[in-house]
PDB file of N, CA and C in Angstrom:
ATOM      1  N   MET A   1     107.726 -11.152 -26.054  1.00  0.00           N
ATOM      2  CA  MET A   1     106.917 -11.985 -25.963  1.00  0.00           C
ATOM      3  C   MET A   1     107.259 -13.134 -24.864  1.00  0.00           C
ATOM      4  N   ALA A   2     106.296 -13.396 -23.765  1.00  0.00           N
ATOM      5  CA  ALA A   2     106.518 -14.105 -22.753  1.00  0.00           C
ATOM      6  C   ALA A   2     105.328 -15.371 -22.900  1.00  0.00           C
ATOM      7  N   ILE A   3     105.535 -16.381 -22.485  1.00  0.00           N
ATOM      8  CA  ILE A   3     104.408 -17.479 -22.622  1.00  0.00           C
ATOM      9  C   ILE A   3     104.429 -18.135 -20.790  1.00  0.00           C
ATOM     10  N   TYR A   4     103.107 -18.174 -20.397  1.00  0.00           N
ATOM     11  CA  TYR A   4     103.030 -19.034 -19.211  1.00  0.00           C
ATOM     12  C   TYR A   4     102.085 -19.983 -19.206  1.00  0.00           C
ATOM     13  N   ASP A   5     102.142 -21.015 -18.919  1.00  0.00           N
ATOM     14  CA  ASP A   5     101.306 -22.390 -18.628  1.00  0.00           C
ATOM     15  C   ASP A   5     101.818 -23.137 -17.482  1.00  0.00           C
ATOM     16  N   PRO A   6     100.737 -23.203 -16.720  1.00  0.00           N
ATOM     17  CA  PRO A   6     101.218 -23.952 -15.258  1.00  0.00           C
ATOM     18  C   PRO A   6     101.735 -25.535 -15.610  1.00  0.00           C
ATOM     19  N   PHE A   7     101.326 -25.969 -16.642  1.00  0.00           N
ATOM     20  CA  PHE A   7     101.727 -27.410 -16.803  1.00  0.00           C
ATOM     21  C   PHE A   7     102.931 -27.437 -18.037  1.00  0.00           C
ATOM     22  N   TYR A   8     102.938 -26.681 -18.989  1.00  0.00           N
ATOM     23  CA  TYR A   8     103.765 -26.766 -20.405  1.00  0.00           C
ATOM     24  C   TYR A   8     104.697 -25.401 -20.245  1.00  0.00           C
ATOM     25  N   ALA A   9     104.547 -24.642 -19.650  1.00  0.00           N
ATOM     26  CA  ALA A   9     105.771 -23.524 -19.522  1.00  0.00           C
ATOM     27  C   ALA A   9     105.493 -22.573 -18.397  1.00  0.00           C
ATOM     28  N   PRO A  10     105.768 -23.196 -17.353  1.00  0.00           N
ATOM     29  CA  PRO A  10     105.921 -22.810 -15.765  1.00  0.00           C
ATOM     30  C   PRO A  10     106.891 -21.817 -15.549  1.00  0.00           C
ATOM     31  N   ASP A  11     107.110 -20.787 -15.978  1.00  0.00           N
ATOM     32  CA  ASP A  11     107.941 -20.005 -16.010  1.00  0.00           C
ATOM     33  C   ASP A  11     107.462 -19.002 -15.182  1.00  0.00           C
ATOM     34  N   PRO A  12     107.769 -18.746 -13.560  1.00  0.00           N
ATOM     35  CA  PRO A  12     107.088 -17.847 -12.658  1.00  0.00           C
ATOM     36  C   PRO A  12     107.599 -16.391 -12.771  1.00  0.00           C
ATOM     37  N   ALA A  13     108.726 -16.408 -13.503  1.00  0.00           N
ATOM     38  CA  ALA A  13     109.393 -14.783 -13.538  1.00  0.00           C
ATOM     39  C   ALA A  13     108.258 -14.163 -14.840  1.00  0.00           C
ATOM     40  N   VAL A  14     107.430 -14.781 -15.547  1.00  0.00           N
ATOM     41  CA  VAL A  14     106.489 -14.048 -16.532  1.00  0.00           C
ATOM     42  C   VAL A  14     105.484 -13.394 -15.601  1.00  0.00           C
ATOM     43  N   LEU A  15     105.189 -14.160 -14.473  1.00  0.00           N
ATOM     44  CA  LEU A  15     104.141 -13.467 -13.741  1.00  0.00           C
ATOM     45  C   LEU A  15     104.436 -12.050 -12.817  1.00  0.00           C
ATOM     46  N   THR A  16     105.908 -11.995 -13.055  1.00  0.00           N
ATOM     47  CA  THR A  16     106.133 -10.720 -12.229  1.00  0.00           C
ATOM     48  C   THR A  16     106.749  -9.607 -12.967  1.00  0.00           C
ATOM     49  N   GLN A  17     106.612  -9.517 -14.527  1.00  0.00           N
ATOM     50  CA  GLN A  17     106.587  -8.394 -15.080  1.00  0.00           C
ATOM     51  C   GLN A  17     105.288  -7.807 -15.559  1.00  0.00           C
ATOM     52  N   THR A  18     105.608  -6.733 -16.343  1.00  0.00           N
ATOM     53  CA  THR A  18     104.425  -5.997 -16.890  1.00  0.00           C
ATOM     54  C   THR A  18     104.405  -5.980 -18.438  1.00  0.00           C
ATOM     55  N   TYR A  19     103.103  -5.818 -19.161  1.00  0.00           N
ATOM     56  CA  TYR A  19     102.879  -6.068 -20.371  1.00  0.00           C
ATOM     57  C   TYR A  19     101.831  -5.064 -21.220  1.00  0.00           C
ATOM     58  N   ASP A  20     102.075  -4.741 -22.513  1.00  0.00           N
ATOM     59  CA  ASP A  20     101.296  -4.006 -22.934  1.00  0.00           C
ATOM     60  C   ASP A  20     100.039  -4.785 -23.553  1.00  0.00           C
ATOM     61  N   PHE A  21     100.087  -5.964 -23.421  1.00  0.00           N
ATOM     62  CA  PHE A  21      98.828  -6.861 -24.148  1.00  0.00           C
ATOM     63  C   PHE A  21      99.213  -8.189 -23.620  1.00  0.00           C
ATOM     64  N   ILE A  22      98.157  -8.758 -22.814  1.00  0.00           N
ATOM     65  CA  ILE A  22      98.145 -10.318 -22.314  1.00  0.00           C
ATOM     66  C   ILE A  22      97.191 -10.957 -22.974  1.00  0.00           C
ATOM     67  N   THR A  23      97.092 -11.948 -23.457  1.00  0.00           N
ATOM     68  CA  THR A  23      96.073 -12.949 -24.169  1.00  0.00           C
ATOM     69  C   THR A  23      96.190 -14.062 -23.243  1.00  0.00           C
ATOM     70  N   ALA A  24      94.725 -14.627 -23.436  1.00  0.00           N
ATOM     71  CA  ALA A  24      94.340 -15.977 -22.856  1.00  0.00           C
ATOM     72  C   ALA A  24      93.247 -16.498 -23.860  1.00  0.00           C
ATOM     73  N   THR A  25      93.780 -17.564 -24.461  1.00  0.00           N
ATOM     74  CA  THR A  25      92.989 -18.126 -25.496  1.00  0.00           C
ATOM     75  C   THR A  25      92.448 -19.648 -24.873  1.00  0.00           C
ATOM     76  N   GLU A  26      91.025 -19.914 -24.911  1.00  0.00           N
ATOM     77  CA  GLU A  26      90.394 -20.868 -24.143  1.00  0.00           C
ATOM     78  C   GLU A  26      91.093 -21.417 -22.957  1.00  0.00           C
ATOM     79  N   VAL A  27      91.281 -20.399 -22.149  1.00  0.00           N
ATOM     80  CA  VAL A  27      91.882 -20.628 -20.857  1.00  0.00           C
ATOM     81  C   VAL A  27      91.006 -20.193 -19.620  1.00  0.00           C
ATOM     82  N   VAL A  28      89.990 -19.142 -19.795  1.00  0.00           N
ATOM     83  CA  VAL A  28      89.494 -18.541 -18.511  1.00  0.00           C
ATOM     84  C   VAL A  28      88.137 -19.478 -17.986  1.00  0.00           C
ATOM     85  N   GLU A  29      87.730 -20.419 -18.932  1.00  0.00           N
ATOM     86  CA  GLU A  29      86.677 -21.449 -18.550  1.00  0.00           C
ATOM     87  C   GLU A  29      87.112 -22.566 -17.761  1.00  0.00           C
ATOM     88  N   HIS A  30      88.473 -22.601 -17.664  1.00  0.00           N
ATOM     89  CA  HIS A  30      88.998 -23.565 -16.701  1.00  0.00           C
ATOM     90  C   HIS A  30      89.661 -23.135 -15.390  1.00  0.00           C
ATOM     91  N   LEU A  31      89.267 -21.675 -14.952  1.00  0.00           N
ATOM     92  CA  LEU A  31      89.570 -21.045 -13.967  1.00  0.00           C
ATOM     93  C   LEU A  31      88.644 -21.295 -12.606  1.00  0.00           C
ATOM     94  N   ALA A  32      89.162 -21.857 -11.539  1.00  0.00           N
ATOM     95  CA  ALA A  32      88.232 -22.063 -10.326  1.00  0.00           C
ATOM     96  C   ALA A  32      88.084 -20.337  -9.784  1.00  0.00           C
ATOM     97  N   THR A  33      89.077 -19.790  -9.959  1.00  0.00           N
ATOM     98  CA  THR A  33      88.785 -18.093  -9.373  1.00  0.00           C
ATOM     99  C   THR A  33      89.309 -17.266 -10.401  1.00  0.00           C
ATOM    100  N   PRO A  34      88.352 -17.115 -11.335  1.00  0.00           N
ATOM    101  CA  PRO A  34      88.763 -16.071 -12.554  1.00  0.00           C
ATOM    102  C   PRO A  34      88.670 -14.920 -12.183  1.00  0.00           C
ATOM    103  N   GLY A  35      87.823 -14.406 -11.081  1.00  0.00           N
ATOM    104  CA  GLY A  35      88.064 -13.107 -10.671  1.00  0.00           C
ATOM    105  C   GLY A  35      89.325 -12.865 -10.076  1.00  0.00           C
ATOM    106  N   ALA A  36      89.868 -13.597  -9.328  1.00  0.00           N
ATOM    107  CA  ALA A  36      91.301 -13.117  -8.959  1.00  0.00           C
ATOM    108  C   ALA A  36      92.277 -13.327  -9.834  1.00  0.00           C
ATOM    109  N   VAL A  37      92.269 -14.392 -10.927  1.00  0.00           N
ATOM    110  CA  VAL A  37      93.236 -14.137 -11.934  1.00  0.00           C
ATOM    111  C   VAL A  37      92.908 -13.109 -12.819  1.00  0.00           C
ATOM    112  N   PHE A  38      91.799 -12.326 -12.930  1.00  0.00           N
ATOM    113  CA  PHE A  38      91.726 -11.167 -13.891  1.00  0.00           C
ATOM    114  C   PHE A  38      92.348 -10.238 -13.078  1.00  0.00           C
ATOM    115  N   VAL A  39      92.109 -10.041 -11.914  1.00  0.00           N
ATOM    116  CA  VAL A  39      92.796  -8.888 -10.930  1.00  0.00           C
ATOM    117  C   VAL A  39      94.202  -9.110 -11.237  1.00  0.00           C
ATOM    118  N   ARG A  40      94.898 -10.178 -10.928  1.00  0.00           N
ATOM    119  CA  ARG A  40      96.370 -10.334 -11.243  1.00  0.00           C
ATOM    120  C   ARG A  40      96.913 -10.030 -12.406  1.00  0.00           C
ATOM    121  N   LEU A  41      96.088 -10.274 -13.611  1.00  0.00           N
ATOM    122  CA  LEU A  41      96.642  -9.981 -14.916  1.00  0.00           C
ATOM    123  C   LEU A  41      96.409  -8.367 -15.048  1.00  0.00           C
ATOM    124  N   ALA A  42      95.261  -8.024 -14.535  1.00  0.00           N
ATOM    125  CA  ALA A  42      95.313  -6.588 -14.641  1.00  0.00           C
ATOM    126  C   ALA A  42      96.416  -5.774 -13.735  1.00  0.00           C
ATOM    127  N   ALA A  43      97.005  -6.081 -12.887  1.00  0.00           N
ATOM    128  CA  ALA A  43      98.070  -5.738 -12.258  1.00  0.00           C
ATOM    129  C   ALA A  43      99.188  -5.837 -12.980  1.00  0.00           C
ATOM    130  N   GLN A  44      99.370  -6.536 -14.052  1.00  0.00           N
ATOM    131  CA  GLN A  44     100.394  -6.883 -14.800  1.00  0.00           C
ATOM    132  C   GLN A  44     100.469  -5.956 -16.103  1.00  0.00           C
ATOM    133  N   LEU A  45      99.282  -5.494 -16.292  1.00  0.00           N
ATOM    134  CA  LEU A  45      99.064  -4.732 -17.664  1.00  0.00           C
ATOM    135  C   LEU A  45      99.691  -3.120 -17.182  1.00  0.00           C
ATOM    136  N   VAL A  46     100.248  -2.493 -18.208  1.00  0.00           N
ATOM    137  CA  VAL A  46     100.835  -1.083 -18.167  1.00  0.00           C
ATOM    138  C   VAL A  46      99.288  -0.370 -18.047  1.00  0.00           C
ATOM    139  N   PRO A  47      99.487   0.883 -17.632  1.00  0.00           N
ATOM    140  CA  PRO A  47      98.079   1.964 -18.213  1.00  0.00           C
ATOM    141  C   PRO A  47      98.021   1.952 -19.400  1.00  0.00           C
ATOM    142  N   GLY A  48      96.653   1.714 -19.887  1.00  0.00           N
ATOM    143  CA  GLY A  48      96.273   1.624 -21.307  1.00  0.00           C
ATOM    144  C   GLY A  48      96.543   0.099 -22.129  1.00  0.00           C
ATOM    145  N   GLY A  49      96.853  -0.597 -21.415  1.00  0.00           N
ATOM    146  CA  GLY A  49      97.239  -1.946 -21.839  1.00  0.00           C
ATOM    147  C   GLY A  49      96.020  -2.726 -22.169  1.00  0.00           C
ATOM    148  N   TYR A  50      96.372  -4.015 -22.766  1.00  0.00           N
ATOM    149  CA  TYR A  50      94.949  -4.708 -23.155  1.00  0.00           C
ATOM    150  C   TYR A  50      95.042  -6.004 -22.463  1.00  0.00           C
ATOM    151  N   LEU A  51      94.057  -6.820 -22.288  1.00  0.00           N
ATOM    152  CA  LEU A  51      93.651  -8.216 -21.961  1.00  0.00           C
ATOM    153  C   LEU A  51      92.797  -8.455 -22.877  1.00  0.00           C
ATOM    154  N   GLY A  52      93.272  -9.506 -23.684  1.00  0.00           N
ATOM    155  CA  GLY A  52      92.510 -10.052 -24.887  1.00  0.00           C
ATOM    156  C   GLY A  52      92.104 -11.689 -24.213  1.00  0.00           C
ATOM    157  N   LEU A  53      90.635 -11.947 -24.249  1.00  0.00           N
ATOM    158  CA  LEU A  53      90.288 -13.187 -23.685  1.00  0.00           C
ATOM    159  C   LEU A  53      89.459 -14.056 -24.974  1.00  0.00           C
ATOM    160  N   MET A  54      89.844 -15.108 -25.080  1.00  0.00           N
ATOM    161  CA  MET A  54      88.900 -15.786 -26.180  1.00  0.00           C
ATOM    162  C   MET A  54      88.099 -17.233 -25.322  1.00  0.00           C
ATOM    163  N   THR A  55      86.900 -16.988 -25.196  1.00  0.00           N
ATOM    164  CA  THR A  55      86.212 -18.153 -24.681  1.00  0.00           C
ATOM    165  C   THR A  55      84.678 -18.096 -25.271  1.00  0.00           C
ATOM    166  N   LYS A  56      84.080 -19.257 -25.357  1.00  0.00           N
ATOM    167  CA  LYS A  56      82.599 -19.314 -25.836  1.00  0.00           C
ATOM    168  C   LYS A  56      81.740 -18.568 -24.550  1.00  0.00           C
ATOM    169  N   ARG A  57      80.918 -17.857 -24.894  1.00  0.00           N
ATOM    170  CA  ARG A  57      79.949 -16.915 -23.819  1.00  0.00           C
ATOM    171  C   ARG A  57      78.614 -17.573 -23.789  1.00  0.00           C
ATOM    172  N   VAL A  58      78.097 -17.526 -22.558  1.00  0.00           N
ATOM    173  CA  VAL A  58      76.480 -17.850 -22.356  1.00  0.00           C
ATOM    174  C   VAL A  58      75.570 -16.859 -23.057  1.00  0.00           C
ATOM    175  N   THR A  59      74.743 -17.273 -23.808  1.00  0.00           N
ATOM    176  CA  THR A  59      73.820 -16.287 -24.411  1.00  0.00           C
ATOM    177  C   THR A  59      72.661 -16.322 -23.693  1.00  0.00           C
ATOM    178  N   SER A  60      72.039 -17.211 -23.174  1.00  0.00           N
ATOM    179  CA  SER A  60      70.704 -17.285 -22.314  1.00  0.00           C
ATOM    180  C   SER A  60      70.712 -18.557 -21.282  1.00  0.00           C
ATOM    181  N   ALA A  61      69.835 -18.452 -20.580  1.00  0.00           N
ATOM    182  CA  ALA A  61      69.710 -19.709 -19.609  1.00  0.00           C
ATOM    183  C   ALA A  61      69.116 -20.914 -20.278  1.00  0.00           C
ATOM    184  N   GLU A  62      68.274 -20.834 -21.330  1.00  0.00           N
ATOM    185  CA  GLU A  62      67.803 -21.959 -22.021  1.00  0.00           C
ATOM    186  C   GLU A  62      68.959 -22.449 -23.124  1.00  0.00           C
ATOM    187  N   ALA A  63      69.716 -21.643 -23.429  1.00  0.00           N
ATOM    188  CA  ALA A  63      70.883 -22.204 -24.466  1.00  0.00           C
ATOM    189  C   ALA A  63      71.857 -22.814 -23.543  1.00  0.00           C
ATOM    190  N   PHE A  64      72.209 -22.223 -22.169  1.00  0.00           N
ATOM    191  CA  PHE A  64      73.170 -22.938 -21.347  1.00  0.00           C
ATOM    192  C   PHE A  64      72.857 -24.377 -21.130  1.00  0.00           C
ATOM    193  N   ALA A  65      71.535 -24.437 -20.874  1.00  0.00           N
ATOM    194  CA  ALA A  65      70.867 -25.906 -20.299  1.00  0.00           C
ATOM    195  C   ALA A  65      71.365 -27.024 -21.471  1.00  0.00           C
ATOM    196  N   GLY A  66      71.340 -26.668 -22.636  1.00  0.00           N
ATOM    197  CA  GLY A  66      71.636 -27.870 -23.631  1.00  0.00           C
ATOM    198  C   GLY A  66      73.339 -27.515 -24.159  1.00  0.00           C
ATOM    199  N   TRP A  67      74.129 -26.492 -23.630  1.00  0.00           N
ATOM    200  CA  TRP A  67      75.237 -26.085 -24.465  1.00  0.00           C
ATOM    201  C   TRP A  67      76.342 -27.459 -24.344  1.00  0.00           C
ATOM    202  N   HIS A  68      76.797 -27.582 -25.297  1.00  0.00           N
ATOM    203  CA  HIS A  68      78.044 -28.447 -25.283  1.00  0.00           C
ATOM    204  C   HIS A  68      79.104 -28.157 -24.293  1.00  0.00           C
ATOM    205  N   TYR A  69      79.218 -26.926 -24.213  1.00  0.00           N
ATOM    206  CA  TYR A  69      80.591 -26.512 -23.483  1.00  0.00           C
ATOM    207  C   TYR A  69      80.491 -26.844 -21.847  1.00  0.00           C
ATOM    208  N   ILE A  70      79.386 -27.153 -21.387  1.00  0.00           N
ATOM    209  CA  ILE A  70      79.447 -27.603 -19.922  1.00  0.00           C
ATOM    210  C   ILE A  70      79.548 -28.649 -19.973  1.00  0.00           C
ATOM    211  N   ALA A  71      79.572 -29.672 -20.919  1.00  0.00           N
ATOM    212  CA  ALA A  71      79.928 -31.067 -20.955  1.00  0.00           C
ATOM    213  C   ALA A  71      81.298 -31.346 -20.556  1.00  0.00           C
ATOM    214  N   ASP A  72      82.294 -30.606 -20.805  1.00  0.00           N
ATOM    215  CA  ASP A  72      83.599 -30.629 -20.521  1.00  0.00           C
ATOM    216  C   ASP A  72      83.848 -30.455 -19.116  1.00  0.00           C
ATOM    217  N   PRO A  73      84.220 -31.594 -18.278  1.00  0.00           N
ATOM    218  CA  PRO A  73      84.257 -31.384 -16.811  1.00  0.00           C
ATOM    219  C   PRO A  73      85.554 -30.510 -16.301  1.00  0.00           C
ATOM    220  N   THR A  74      86.389 -29.983 -17.409  1.00  0.00           N
ATOM    221  CA  THR A  74      87.595 -29.179 -17.117  1.00  0.00           C
ATOM    222  C   THR A  74      86.833 -27.739 -17.247  1.00  0.00           C
ATOM    223  N   HIS A  75      85.717 -27.517 -17.641  1.00  0.00           N
ATOM    224  CA  HIS A  75      85.085 -26.096 -17.783  1.00  0.00           C
ATOM    225  C   HIS A  75      84.345 -25.895 -16.641  1.00  0.00           C
ATOM    226  N   VAL A  76      85.083 -24.832 -15.641  1.00  0.00           N
ATOM    227  CA  VAL A  76      84.120 -25.003 -14.410  1.00  0.00           C
ATOM    228  C   VAL A  76      83.680 -23.445 -14.197  1.00  0.00           C
ATOM    229  N   SER A  77      84.141 -22.416 -15.084  1.00  0.00           N
ATOM    230  CA  SER A  77      83.614 -21.119 -15.124  1.00  0.00           C
ATOM    231  C   SER A  77      83.017 -20.523 -16.492  1.00  0.00           C
ATOM    232  N   PHE A  78      81.866 -19.934 -16.118  1.00  0.00           N
ATOM    233  CA  PHE A  78      81.168 -19.664 -17.656  1.00  0.00           C
ATOM    234  C   PHE A  78      81.004 -18.117 -17.585  1.00  0.00           C
ATOM    235  N   PHE A  79      80.864 -17.397 -18.758  1.00  0.00           N
ATOM    236  CA  PHE A  79      80.648 -16.008 -18.881  1.00  0.00           C
ATOM    237  C   PHE A  79      79.883 -15.641 -19.969  1.00  0.00           C
ATOM    238  N   SER A  80      79.290 -14.413 -19.686  1.00  0.00           N
ATOM    239  CA  SER A  80      78.226 -13.688 -20.507  1.00  0.00           C
ATOM    240  C   SER A  80      78.996 -12.457 -20.837  1.00  0.00           C
ATOM    241  N   GLU A  81      78.253 -11.611 -21.787  1.00  0.00           N
ATOM    242  CA  GLU A  81      78.978 -10.231 -22.238  1.00  0.00           C
ATOM    243  C   GLU A  81      78.571  -9.472 -20.680  1.00  0.00           C
ATOM    244  N   ALA A  82      77.291  -9.831 -20.101  1.00  0.00           N
ATOM    245  CA  ALA A  82      77.277  -8.839 -18.947  1.00  0.00           C
ATOM    246  C   ALA A  82      77.931  -9.421 -17.727  1.00  0.00           C
ATOM    247  N   THR A  83      78.862 -10.540 -17.689  1.00  0.00           N
ATOM    248  CA  THR A  83      79.664 -10.645 -16.773  1.00  0.00           C
ATOM    249  C   THR A  83      80.949  -9.952 -17.211  1.00  0.00           C
ATOM    250  N   PHE A  84      81.412  -9.832 -18.264  1.00  0.00           N
ATOM    251  CA  PHE A  84      82.522  -9.170 -18.811  1.00  0.00           C
ATOM    252  C   PHE A  84      82.278  -7.455 -18.525  1.00  0.00           C
ATOM    253  N   ARG A  85      81.090  -7.224 -18.766  1.00  0.00           N
ATOM    254  CA  ARG A  85      80.717  -5.582 -18.538  1.00  0.00           C
ATOM    255  C   ARG A  85      80.807  -5.283 -17.390  1.00  0.00           C
ATOM    256  N   TRP A  86      80.310  -6.602 -16.280  1.00  0.00           N
ATOM    257  CA  TRP A  86      80.332  -5.778 -15.040  1.00  0.00           C
ATOM    258  C   TRP A  86      81.793  -5.909 -14.288  1.00  0.00           C
ATOM    259  N   TRP A  87      82.666  -6.964 -14.886  1.00  0.00           N
ATOM    260  CA  TRP A  87      84.139  -7.013 -14.401  1.00  0.00           C
ATOM    261  C   TRP A  87      84.685  -5.525 -14.850  1.00  0.00           C
ATOM    262  N   ALA A  88      84.510  -4.989 -16.034  1.00  0.00           N
ATOM    263  CA  ALA A  88      85.284  -3.911 -16.657  1.00  0.00           C
ATOM    264  C   ALA A  88      84.553  -2.770 -15.765  1.00  0.00           C
ATOM    265  N   ALA A  89      83.334  -2.720 -15.621  1.00  0.00           N
ATOM    266  CA  ALA A  89      82.935  -1.371 -14.925  1.00  0.00           C
ATOM    267  C   ALA A  89      83.525  -1.241 -13.435  1.00  0.00           C
ATOM    268  N   GLU A  90      83.309  -2.578 -12.822  1.00  0.00           N
ATOM    269  CA  GLU A  90      84.274  -2.530 -11.209  1.00  0.00           C
ATOM    270  C   GLU A  90      85.798  -2.236 -11.374  1.00  0.00           C
ATOM    271  N   HIS A  91      86.231  -2.803 -12.413  1.00  0.00           N
ATOM    272  CA  HIS A  91      87.735  -2.251 -12.268  1.00  0.00           C
ATOM    273  C   HIS A  91      88.246  -0.934 -13.264  1.00  0.00           C
ATOM    274  N   HIS A  92      86.972  -0.145 -13.783  1.00  0.00           N
ATOM    275  CA  HIS A  92      87.270   0.944 -14.751  1.00  0.00           C
ATOM    276  C   HIS A  92      87.916   0.597 -15.980  1.00  0.00           C
ATOM    277  N   PHE A  93      87.943  -0.705 -16.301  1.00  0.00           N
ATOM    278  CA  PHE A  93      88.479  -0.903 -17.722  1.00  0.00           C
ATOM    279  C   PHE A  93      87.270  -0.676 -18.826  1.00  0.00           C
ATOM    280  N   THR A  94      87.700  -0.594 -20.083  1.00  0.00           N
ATOM    281  CA  THR A  94      86.635  -0.427 -20.972  1.00  0.00           C
ATOM    282  C   THR A  94      86.680  -1.973 -21.598  1.00  0.00           C
ATOM    283  N   VAL A  95      85.633  -2.366 -22.421  1.00  0.00           N
ATOM    284  CA  VAL A  95      85.399  -3.648 -22.929  1.00  0.00           C
ATOM    285  C   VAL A  95      84.976  -3.678 -24.333  1.00  0.00           C
ATOM    286  N   GLU A  96      85.247  -4.211 -25.172  1.00  0.00           N
ATOM    287  CA  GLU A  96      84.746  -4.544 -26.512  1.00  0.00           C
ATOM    288  C   GLU A  96      84.580  -6.179 -26.913  1.00  0.00           C
ATOM    289  N   PHE A  97      83.779  -6.206 -27.580  1.00  0.00           N
ATOM    290  CA  PHE A  97      83.329  -7.675 -28.142  1.00  0.00           C
ATOM    291  C   PHE A  97      83.635  -7.749 -29.604  1.00  0.00           C
ATOM    292  N   PRO A  98      84.758  -7.955 -30.294  1.00  0.00           N
ATOM    293  CA  PRO A  98      85.129  -7.793 -31.593  1.00  0.00           C
ATOM    294  C   PRO A  98      84.886  -9.295 -32.195  1.00  0.00           C
ATOM    295  N   GLY A  99      84.190 -10.178 -31.708  1.00  0.00           N
ATOM    296  CA  GLY A  99      84.038 -11.515 -32.366  1.00  0.00           C
ATOM    297  C   GLY A  99      83.124 -12.341 -31.236  1.00  0.00           C
ATOM    298  N   ALA A 100      82.510 -13.132 -31.921  1.00  0.00           N
ATOM    299  CA  ALA A 100      81.847 -14.147 -30.993  1.00  0.00           C
ATOM    300  C   ALA A 100      82.355 -14.706 -29.697  1.00  0.00           C
ATOM    301  N   ASP A 101      83.533 -15.091 -29.558  1.00  0.00           N
ATOM    302  CA  ASP A 101      84.137 -15.686 -28.675  1.00  0.00           C
ATOM    303  C   ASP A 101      85.335 -14.645 -28.060  1.00  0.00           C
ATOM    304  N   VAL A 102      85.570 -13.282 -28.483  1.00  0.00           N
ATOM    305  CA  VAL A 102      86.370 -12.447 -28.283  1.00  0.00           C
ATOM    306  C   VAL A 102      86.024 -11.472 -27.112  1.00  0.00           C
ATOM    307  N   VAL A 103      86.857 -11.092 -25.961  1.00  0.00           N
ATOM    308  CA  VAL A 103      86.719 -10.045 -25.308  1.00  0.00           C
ATOM    309  C   VAL A 103      87.933  -9.140 -24.987  1.00  0.00           C
ATOM    310  N   ILE A 104      87.833  -7.970 -25.453  1.00  0.00           N
ATOM    311  CA  ILE A 104      89.014  -7.280 -25.236  1.00  0.00           C
ATOM    312  C   ILE A 104      88.692  -6.008 -24.094  1.00  0.00           C
ATOM    313  N   LEU A 105      89.635  -6.049 -23.061  1.00  0.00           N
ATOM    314  CA  LEU A 105      89.459  -5.453 -21.999  1.00  0.00           C
ATOM    315  C   LEU A 105      90.773  -4.332 -22.111  1.00  0.00           C
ATOM    316  N   GLN A 106      90.361  -2.996 -21.932  1.00  0.00           N
ATOM    317  CA  GLN A 106      91.690  -2.133 -21.748  1.00  0.00           C
ATOM    318  C   GLN A 106      91.590  -1.470 -20.542  1.00  0.00           C
ATOM    319  N   LYS A 107      92.950  -1.398 -19.871  1.00  0.00           N
ATOM    320  CA  LYS A 107      93.112  -0.891 -18.424  1.00  0.00           C
ATOM    321  C   LYS A 107      93.162   0.785 -18.722  1.00  0.00           C
ATOM    322  N   PRO A 108      92.577   1.626 -17.567  1.00  0.00           N
ATOM    323  CA  PRO A 108      92.420   2.989 -17.790  1.00  0.00           C
ATOM    324  C   PRO A 108      93.824   3.659 -17.752  1.00  0.00           C
ATOM    325  N   LEU A 109      93.966   4.415 -18.449  1.00  0.00           N
ATOM    326  CA  LEU A 109      95.273   5.421 -18.359  1.00  0.00           C
ATOM    327  C   LEU A 109      95.008   6.281 -17.061  1.00  0.00           C
ATOM    328  N   PRO A 110      96.244   6.599 -16.269  1.00  0.00           N
ATOM    329  CA  PRO A 110      95.916   7.316 -15.179  1.00  0.00           C
ATOM    330  C   PRO A 110      95.315   8.911 -15.374  1.00  0.00           C
ATOM    331  N   PRO A 111      94.811   9.453 -14.548  1.00  0.00           N
ATOM    332  CA  PRO A 111      94.396  10.818 -15.003  1.00  0.00           C
ATOM    333  C   PRO A 111      95.606  11.911 -15.348  1.00  0.00           C
ATOM    334  N   ALA A 112      95.111  12.626 -16.321  1.00  0.00           N
ATOM    335  CA  ALA A 112      96.062  13.662 -16.858  1.00  0.00           C
ATOM    336  C   ALA A 112      96.257  14.555 -15.715  1.00  0.00           C
ATOM    337  N   THR A 113      97.628  14.981 -15.330  1.00  0.00           N
ATOM    338  CA  THR A 113      97.869  16.012 -14.490  1.00  0.00           C
ATOM    339  C   THR A 113      97.986  17.338 -15.150  1.00  0.00           C
ATOM    340  N   GLY A 114      97.221  18.329 -14.552  1.00  0.00           N
ATOM    341  CA  GLY A 114      97.210  19.624 -15.150  1.00  0.00           C
ATOM    342  C   GLY A 114      98.582  20.519 -15.043  1.00  0.00           C
ATOM    343  N   THR A 115      98.989  21.327 -16.102  1.00  0.00           N
ATOM    344  CA  THR A 115     100.330  21.941 -15.909  1.00  0.00           C
ATOM    345  C   THR A 115      99.971  23.424 -15.852  1.00  0.00           C
TER     346      THR A 115
END
């Protein structure tokens, strides 16, 4: 297991390795460029590896307007199931939502070669 946090565990070597599973709990809502970060994390996953994210999700425009989550000035990115489904499709990942705030993305395996 390796830990990376830009403030509390800033070990850049962690960002040069590959992993079977990467998790980010209550992180992605703080990212100014989440798409770029997702691509970088995806590149660090082995084929078939998992990216597990935990963040509150937007459920509707009406709910968003009164949502307590947007009152935190450090929350700069917001996601819905549709957002994660779109990203997964664009990058050929599978996506599951096993809990209210949980997203599991799986990197595809390379195509099987015939023998």
